[in-house]
Every structure is written in structure tokens, then in C-alpha cells.
């Protein structure tokens, strides 16, 4: 909550909850749980809205990295076949490791995106 937007989001959510004329809502707010849920949902909605372009940019970057790694692997195999050389196992191992790590990063990226865009 470093840049002020989050304080504003929470304030607006609390004001909405306080100004609502709904008696059932007010009972829920007085119990605390409903109030926390309203604030939580508003906060997550605002956060996911702010981060959506960042998530997209990250996914595009990860796709580009994966394509380049795959292209490098294909080039190593193709050159070895064309020139009749042995495959560079060390280079292929490095590229395969990088590809696997990128897959892990993409999975974690997706998990963070799901966490920040879901609500109860």
C-alpha cells in the first residue's frame, strides 16, 4: 500500500459500506466479517485492474523467451545434422534447463495472477 491508491480504494469501499441504506448490509458490517469481505473484494478488484497490463506484458515476454530458447535448440540440432557434427550436449542441457525453468516461472506467474484476481 505504498502509492496511495490502496488507501483511496479502502476508504471508498468503507464509505460505500457506511452510506449503504441496506439494513442487512449494515447488520453484516456491524459484525465485521461482511465489512472485511467488501474491503477485500474492492482491494483485489483494484489490484487486479492495476496489474492486468503488467501480467499481459510478463506473459508476452515469457512467450518470447520460450520461442527464442526453442529456436536455439532447433538451430543446434539442425546444424549438427547438416554438418554431421555431434550434438553439443552441454549446450542442449543448458537450453533445456532454461526452458524448464521458464515453464516453472510461467506456472508461478499464472498462480499469482489467479490469487490476485479471484474473490470468495
N, C-alpha and C. Protein backbone atom coordinates (compact mmCIF):
# COMPACT_ATOMS: atom_id res chain seq x y z
N UNK A 1 0.84 -1.17 0.00
CA UNK A 1 0.00 0.00 0.00
C UNK A 1 0.89 1.24 0.00
N UNK A 2 1.74 1.26 -0.97
CA UNK A 2 2.78 2.26 -0.97
C UNK A 2 2.46 3.53 -1.72
N UNK A 3 1.56 3.46 -2.69
CA UNK A 3 1.42 4.63 -3.54
C UNK A 3 0.11 5.39 -3.38
N UNK A 4 -0.60 5.16 -2.32
CA UNK A 4 -1.78 5.96 -2.05
C UNK A 4 -3.06 5.45 -2.67
N UNK A 5 -2.97 4.76 -3.79
CA UNK A 5 -4.19 4.29 -4.44
C UNK A 5 -4.92 3.29 -3.53
N UNK A 6 -4.18 2.51 -2.80
CA UNK A 6 -4.82 1.48 -1.97
C UNK A 6 -5.55 2.10 -0.80
N UNK A 7 -4.97 3.15 -0.21
CA UNK A 7 -5.68 3.86 0.86
C UNK A 7 -6.99 4.42 0.33
N UNK A 8 -6.94 4.96 -0.89
CA UNK A 8 -8.14 5.52 -1.51
C UNK A 8 -9.19 4.44 -1.78
N UNK A 9 -8.75 3.30 -2.29
CA UNK A 9 -9.68 2.19 -2.56
C UNK A 9 -10.35 1.73 -1.28
N UNK A 10 -9.58 1.56 -0.23
CA UNK A 10 -10.15 1.11 1.04
C UNK A 10 -11.09 2.15 1.63
N UNK A 11 -10.74 3.41 1.51
CA UNK A 11 -11.59 4.49 2.02
C UNK A 11 -12.92 4.50 1.26
N UNK A 12 -12.85 4.39 -0.07
CA UNK A 12 -14.07 4.38 -0.88
C UNK A 12 -14.95 3.19 -0.54
N UNK A 13 -14.34 2.02 -0.35
CA UNK A 13 -15.12 0.83 -0.01
C UNK A 13 -15.80 0.99 1.34
N UNK A 14 -15.07 1.54 2.30
CA UNK A 14 -15.64 1.75 3.63
C UNK A 14 -16.76 2.77 3.57
N UNK A 15 -16.58 3.84 2.79
CA UNK A 15 -17.63 4.86 2.66
C UNK A 15 -18.87 4.27 2.01
N UNK A 16 -18.67 3.45 0.98
CA UNK A 16 -19.80 2.80 0.33
C UNK A 16 -20.56 1.93 1.33
N UNK A 17 -19.81 1.18 2.11
CA UNK A 17 -20.44 0.31 3.09
C UNK A 17 -21.20 1.12 4.13
N UNK A 18 -20.61 2.23 4.58
CA UNK A 18 -21.25 3.06 5.60
C UNK A 18 -22.48 3.78 5.06
N UNK A 19 -22.43 4.21 3.78
CA UNK A 19 -23.51 5.00 3.21
C UNK A 19 -24.66 4.15 2.67
N UNK A 20 -24.43 2.86 2.57
CA UNK A 20 -25.47 1.99 2.04
C UNK A 20 -26.66 1.98 3.00
N UNK A 21 -27.84 2.11 2.43
CA UNK A 21 -29.05 2.12 3.26
C UNK A 21 -29.59 0.73 3.52
N UNK A 22 -28.92 -0.26 3.05
CA UNK A 22 -29.38 -1.64 3.17
C UNK A 22 -29.20 -2.11 4.61
N UNK A 23 -30.35 -2.39 5.28
CA UNK A 23 -30.28 -2.81 6.68
C UNK A 23 -29.51 -4.11 6.85
N UNK A 24 -29.70 -5.06 5.92
CA UNK A 24 -28.97 -6.32 6.03
C UNK A 24 -27.48 -6.09 5.89
N UNK A 25 -27.10 -5.20 4.99
CA UNK A 25 -25.69 -4.88 4.83
C UNK A 25 -25.14 -4.27 6.10
N UNK A 26 -25.90 -3.37 6.70
CA UNK A 26 -25.42 -2.70 7.92
C UNK A 26 -25.27 -3.71 9.06
N UNK A 27 -26.17 -4.68 9.14
CA UNK A 27 -26.03 -5.72 10.16
C UNK A 27 -24.75 -6.50 9.92
N UNK A 28 -24.52 -6.84 8.66
CA UNK A 28 -23.29 -7.56 8.31
C UNK A 28 -22.05 -6.76 8.62
N UNK A 29 -22.12 -5.46 8.34
CA UNK A 29 -20.96 -4.61 8.61
C UNK A 29 -20.68 -4.51 10.10
N UNK A 30 -21.74 -4.45 10.86
CA UNK A 30 -21.53 -4.34 12.30
C UNK A 30 -20.90 -5.62 12.86
N UNK A 31 -21.06 -6.71 12.15
CA UNK A 31 -20.46 -7.97 12.59
C UNK A 31 -19.00 -8.07 12.16
N UNK A 32 -18.58 -7.24 11.24
CA UNK A 32 -17.17 -7.20 10.86
C UNK A 32 -16.81 -8.07 9.68
N UNK A 33 -17.32 -9.27 9.62
CA UNK A 33 -16.96 -10.19 8.54
C UNK A 33 -17.37 -9.68 7.17
N UNK A 34 -18.57 -9.17 7.08
CA UNK A 34 -19.07 -8.65 5.79
C UNK A 34 -18.25 -7.43 5.38
N UNK A 35 -17.92 -6.60 6.34
CA UNK A 35 -17.13 -5.40 6.07
C UNK A 35 -15.76 -5.80 5.52
N UNK A 36 -15.13 -6.77 6.15
CA UNK A 36 -13.82 -7.22 5.66
C UNK A 36 -13.93 -7.80 4.26
N UNK A 37 -15.01 -8.52 3.97
CA UNK A 37 -15.19 -9.10 2.63
C UNK A 37 -15.35 -8.00 1.58
N UNK A 38 -16.13 -6.98 1.90
CA UNK A 38 -16.30 -5.85 0.96
C UNK A 38 -14.95 -5.20 0.69
N UNK A 39 -14.21 -4.92 1.75
CA UNK A 39 -12.90 -4.30 1.59
C UNK A 39 -11.94 -5.21 0.81
N UNK A 40 -11.96 -6.50 1.12
CA UNK A 40 -11.10 -7.46 0.44
C UNK A 40 -11.41 -7.51 -1.05
N UNK A 41 -12.70 -7.63 -1.37
CA UNK A 41 -13.10 -7.70 -2.79
C UNK A 41 -12.74 -6.43 -3.54
N UNK A 42 -12.98 -5.27 -2.92
CA UNK A 42 -12.65 -4.00 -3.57
C UNK A 42 -11.13 -3.90 -3.78
N UNK A 43 -10.37 -4.29 -2.78
CA UNK A 43 -8.92 -4.22 -2.87
C UNK A 43 -8.40 -5.13 -3.97
N UNK A 44 -8.87 -6.37 -4.00
CA UNK A 44 -8.42 -7.31 -5.02
C UNK A 44 -8.85 -6.87 -6.42
N UNK A 45 -10.05 -6.31 -6.53
CA UNK A 45 -10.53 -5.83 -7.83
C UNK A 45 -9.64 -4.67 -8.31
N UNK A 46 -9.33 -3.76 -7.42
CA UNK A 46 -8.48 -2.63 -7.80
C UNK A 46 -7.07 -3.10 -8.15
N UNK A 47 -6.54 -4.01 -7.35
CA UNK A 47 -5.20 -4.51 -7.60
C UNK A 47 -5.11 -5.26 -8.92
N UNK A 48 -6.10 -6.11 -9.21
CA UNK A 48 -6.08 -6.84 -10.48
C UNK A 48 -6.23 -5.89 -11.65
N UNK A 49 -7.00 -4.82 -11.49
CA UNK A 49 -7.13 -3.83 -12.55
C UNK A 49 -5.83 -3.11 -12.83
N UNK A 50 -5.10 -2.79 -11.77
CA UNK A 50 -3.83 -2.11 -11.92
C UNK A 50 -2.79 -3.04 -12.55
N UNK A 51 -2.85 -4.32 -12.21
CA UNK A 51 -1.80 -5.25 -12.64
C UNK A 51 -2.07 -5.96 -13.96
N UNK A 52 -3.27 -5.83 -14.52
CA UNK A 52 -3.60 -6.62 -15.71
C UNK A 52 -2.64 -6.37 -16.85
N UNK A 53 -2.26 -5.13 -17.10
CA UNK A 53 -1.32 -4.86 -18.20
C UNK A 53 0.06 -5.42 -17.88
N UNK A 54 0.45 -5.40 -16.61
CA UNK A 54 1.74 -5.97 -16.22
C UNK A 54 1.74 -7.49 -16.41
N UNK A 55 0.64 -8.13 -16.03
CA UNK A 55 0.54 -9.58 -16.26
C UNK A 55 0.63 -9.90 -17.75
N UNK A 56 -0.06 -9.14 -18.58
CA UNK A 56 -0.02 -9.38 -20.03
C UNK A 56 1.39 -9.18 -20.57
N UNK A 57 2.04 -8.11 -20.14
CA UNK A 57 3.40 -7.84 -20.61
C UNK A 57 4.35 -8.96 -20.19
N UNK A 58 4.18 -9.44 -18.98
CA UNK A 58 5.02 -10.54 -18.50
C UNK A 58 4.79 -11.81 -19.29
N UNK A 59 3.54 -12.11 -19.59
CA UNK A 59 3.22 -13.30 -20.38
C UNK A 59 3.80 -13.19 -21.79
N UNK A 60 3.71 -12.01 -22.39
CA UNK A 60 4.29 -11.80 -23.72
C UNK A 60 5.80 -11.99 -23.68
N UNK A 61 6.44 -11.44 -22.66
CA UNK A 61 7.90 -11.58 -22.52
C UNK A 61 8.29 -13.04 -22.33
N UNK A 62 7.57 -13.76 -21.50
CA UNK A 62 7.87 -15.18 -21.28
C UNK A 62 7.69 -15.98 -22.56
N UNK A 63 6.64 -15.69 -23.32
CA UNK A 63 6.43 -16.37 -24.60
C UNK A 63 7.60 -16.11 -25.55
N UNK A 64 8.08 -14.88 -25.59
CA UNK A 64 9.21 -14.54 -26.47
C UNK A 64 10.46 -15.29 -26.05
N UNK A 65 10.73 -15.34 -24.76
CA UNK A 65 11.89 -16.06 -24.26
C UNK A 65 11.79 -17.54 -24.63
N UNK A 66 10.62 -18.14 -24.42
CA UNK A 66 10.44 -19.56 -24.76
C UNK A 66 10.63 -19.81 -26.24
N UNK A 67 10.11 -18.93 -27.08
CA UNK A 67 10.30 -19.09 -28.54
C UNK A 67 11.77 -19.02 -28.91
N UNK A 68 12.51 -18.09 -28.30
CA UNK A 68 13.94 -17.96 -28.60
C UNK A 68 14.72 -19.18 -28.13
N UNK A 69 14.39 -19.71 -26.97
CA UNK A 69 15.07 -20.91 -26.47
C UNK A 69 14.77 -22.08 -27.41
N UNK A 70 13.50 -22.26 -27.79
CA UNK A 70 13.13 -23.34 -28.72
C UNK A 70 13.86 -23.18 -30.05
N UNK A 71 13.96 -21.96 -30.53
CA UNK A 71 14.65 -21.68 -31.79
C UNK A 71 16.13 -22.04 -31.68
N UNK A 72 16.74 -21.72 -30.55
CA UNK A 72 18.16 -22.04 -30.35
C UNK A 72 18.36 -23.56 -30.32
N UNK A 73 17.46 -24.28 -29.66
CA UNK A 73 17.56 -25.74 -29.62
C UNK A 73 17.45 -26.31 -31.03
N UNK A 74 16.49 -25.83 -31.79
CA UNK A 74 16.32 -26.31 -33.17
C UNK A 74 17.56 -26.01 -34.02
N UNK A 75 18.15 -24.84 -33.81
CA UNK A 75 19.34 -24.47 -34.56
C UNK A 75 20.51 -25.38 -34.23
N UNK A 76 20.69 -25.71 -32.95
CA UNK A 76 21.78 -26.61 -32.55
C UNK A 76 21.59 -27.97 -33.21
N UNK A 77 20.38 -28.51 -33.15
CA UNK A 77 20.10 -29.83 -33.74
C UNK A 77 20.25 -29.77 -35.26
N UNK A 78 19.71 -28.75 -35.88
CA UNK A 78 19.78 -28.61 -37.33
C UNK A 78 21.22 -28.50 -37.82
N UNK A 79 22.02 -27.67 -37.16
CA UNK A 79 23.43 -27.51 -37.56
C UNK A 79 24.22 -28.79 -37.37
N UNK A 80 23.94 -29.50 -36.30
CA UNK A 80 24.64 -30.77 -36.07
C UNK A 80 24.29 -31.77 -37.17
N UNK A 81 23.02 -31.84 -37.56
CA UNK A 81 22.60 -32.76 -38.62
C UNK A 81 23.19 -32.34 -39.96
N UNK A 82 23.16 -31.06 -40.25
CA UNK A 82 23.64 -30.52 -41.53
C UNK A 82 25.14 -30.74 -41.69
N UNK A 83 25.89 -30.46 -40.63
CA UNK A 83 27.34 -30.53 -40.71
C UNK A 83 27.88 -31.90 -40.31
N UNK A 84 27.00 -32.79 -39.87
CA UNK A 84 27.43 -34.12 -39.45
C UNK A 84 28.24 -34.10 -38.17
N UNK A 85 27.99 -33.09 -37.34
CA UNK A 85 28.72 -32.97 -36.08
C UNK A 85 27.92 -33.62 -34.95
N UNK A 86 28.65 -33.90 -33.89
CA UNK A 86 27.97 -34.39 -32.70
C UNK A 86 27.21 -33.23 -32.06
N UNK A 87 26.11 -33.58 -31.44
CA UNK A 87 25.33 -32.55 -30.72
C UNK A 87 26.14 -32.04 -29.54
N UNK A 88 26.00 -30.77 -29.27
CA UNK A 88 26.64 -30.18 -28.10
C UNK A 88 25.72 -30.43 -26.90
N UNK A 89 25.98 -31.56 -26.23
CA UNK A 89 25.11 -31.96 -25.12
C UNK A 89 25.09 -30.93 -24.00
N UNK A 90 26.22 -30.31 -23.75
CA UNK A 90 26.29 -29.30 -22.68
C UNK A 90 25.37 -28.11 -23.02
N UNK A 91 25.44 -27.63 -24.27
CA UNK A 91 24.59 -26.51 -24.69
C UNK A 91 23.11 -26.91 -24.65
N UNK A 92 22.80 -28.10 -25.14
CA UNK A 92 21.41 -28.56 -25.11
C UNK A 92 20.91 -28.70 -23.67
N UNK A 93 21.77 -29.14 -22.79
CA UNK A 93 21.39 -29.26 -21.38
C UNK A 93 21.09 -27.89 -20.77
N UNK A 94 21.92 -26.91 -21.09
CA UNK A 94 21.71 -25.55 -20.59
C UNK A 94 20.38 -25.00 -21.12
N UNK A 95 20.14 -25.17 -22.41
CA UNK A 95 18.90 -24.66 -23.02
C UNK A 95 17.67 -25.39 -22.46
N UNK A 96 17.78 -26.69 -22.27
CA UNK A 96 16.66 -27.46 -21.71
C UNK A 96 16.38 -27.02 -20.28
N UNK A 97 17.43 -26.78 -19.51
CA UNK A 97 17.26 -26.31 -18.13
C UNK A 97 16.58 -24.95 -18.11
N UNK A 98 17.04 -24.05 -18.99
CA UNK A 98 16.43 -22.72 -19.08
C UNK A 98 14.96 -22.83 -19.47
N UNK A 99 14.66 -23.70 -20.42
CA UNK A 99 13.27 -23.88 -20.86
C UNK A 99 12.40 -24.40 -19.72
N UNK A 100 12.91 -25.36 -18.99
CA UNK A 100 12.16 -25.91 -17.84
C UNK A 100 11.92 -24.87 -16.76
N UNK A 101 12.93 -24.06 -16.51
CA UNK A 101 12.79 -23.01 -15.50
C UNK A 101 11.76 -21.96 -15.95
N UNK A 102 11.77 -21.66 -17.24
CA UNK A 102 10.78 -20.70 -17.76
C UNK A 102 9.37 -21.26 -17.60
N UNK A 103 9.21 -22.55 -17.81
CA UNK A 103 7.91 -23.17 -17.60
C UNK A 103 7.48 -23.02 -16.14
N UNK A 104 8.41 -23.25 -15.22
CA UNK A 104 8.11 -23.07 -13.80
C UNK A 104 7.73 -21.64 -13.46
N UNK A 105 8.45 -20.69 -14.05
CA UNK A 105 8.14 -19.28 -13.82
C UNK A 105 6.75 -18.95 -14.35
N UNK A 106 6.43 -19.47 -15.55
CA UNK A 106 5.11 -19.21 -16.14
C UNK A 106 4.00 -19.78 -15.26
N UNK A 107 4.22 -20.97 -14.69
CA UNK A 107 3.21 -21.56 -13.82
C UNK A 107 3.03 -20.72 -12.55
N UNK A 108 4.11 -20.29 -11.95
CA UNK A 108 4.01 -19.44 -10.75
C UNK A 108 3.38 -18.09 -11.07
N UNK A 109 3.72 -17.53 -12.22
CA UNK A 109 3.14 -16.26 -12.68
C UNK A 109 1.62 -16.41 -12.76
N UNK A 110 1.18 -17.52 -13.37
CA UNK A 110 -0.25 -17.78 -13.50
C UNK A 110 -0.89 -17.93 -12.12
N UNK A 111 -0.22 -18.64 -11.22
CA UNK A 111 -0.77 -18.83 -9.87
C UNK A 111 -0.94 -17.50 -9.14
N UNK A 112 0.03 -16.61 -9.27
CA UNK A 112 -0.07 -15.28 -8.64
C UNK A 112 -1.24 -14.52 -9.27
N UNK A 113 -1.37 -14.60 -10.58
CA UNK A 113 -2.47 -13.92 -11.27
C UNK A 113 -3.82 -14.43 -10.76
N UNK A 114 -3.95 -15.74 -10.60
CA UNK A 114 -5.20 -16.31 -10.10
C UNK A 114 -5.47 -15.84 -8.67
N UNK A 115 -4.46 -15.86 -7.84
CA UNK A 115 -4.63 -15.43 -6.44
C UNK A 115 -5.14 -13.99 -6.38
N UNK A 116 -4.58 -13.12 -7.21
CA UNK A 116 -4.93 -11.70 -7.13
C UNK A 116 -6.19 -11.34 -7.89
N UNK A 117 -6.74 -12.25 -8.68
CA UNK A 117 -7.94 -11.93 -9.44
C UNK A 117 -9.15 -12.74 -9.01
N UNK A 118 -9.02 -13.54 -7.99
CA UNK A 118 -10.18 -14.32 -7.54
C UNK A 118 -10.80 -13.66 -6.33
N UNK A 119 -12.04 -13.94 -6.12
CA UNK A 119 -12.69 -13.49 -4.89
C UNK A 119 -13.52 -14.66 -4.35
N UNK A 120 -13.87 -14.54 -3.09
CA UNK A 120 -14.60 -15.64 -2.42
C UNK A 120 -15.94 -15.88 -3.05
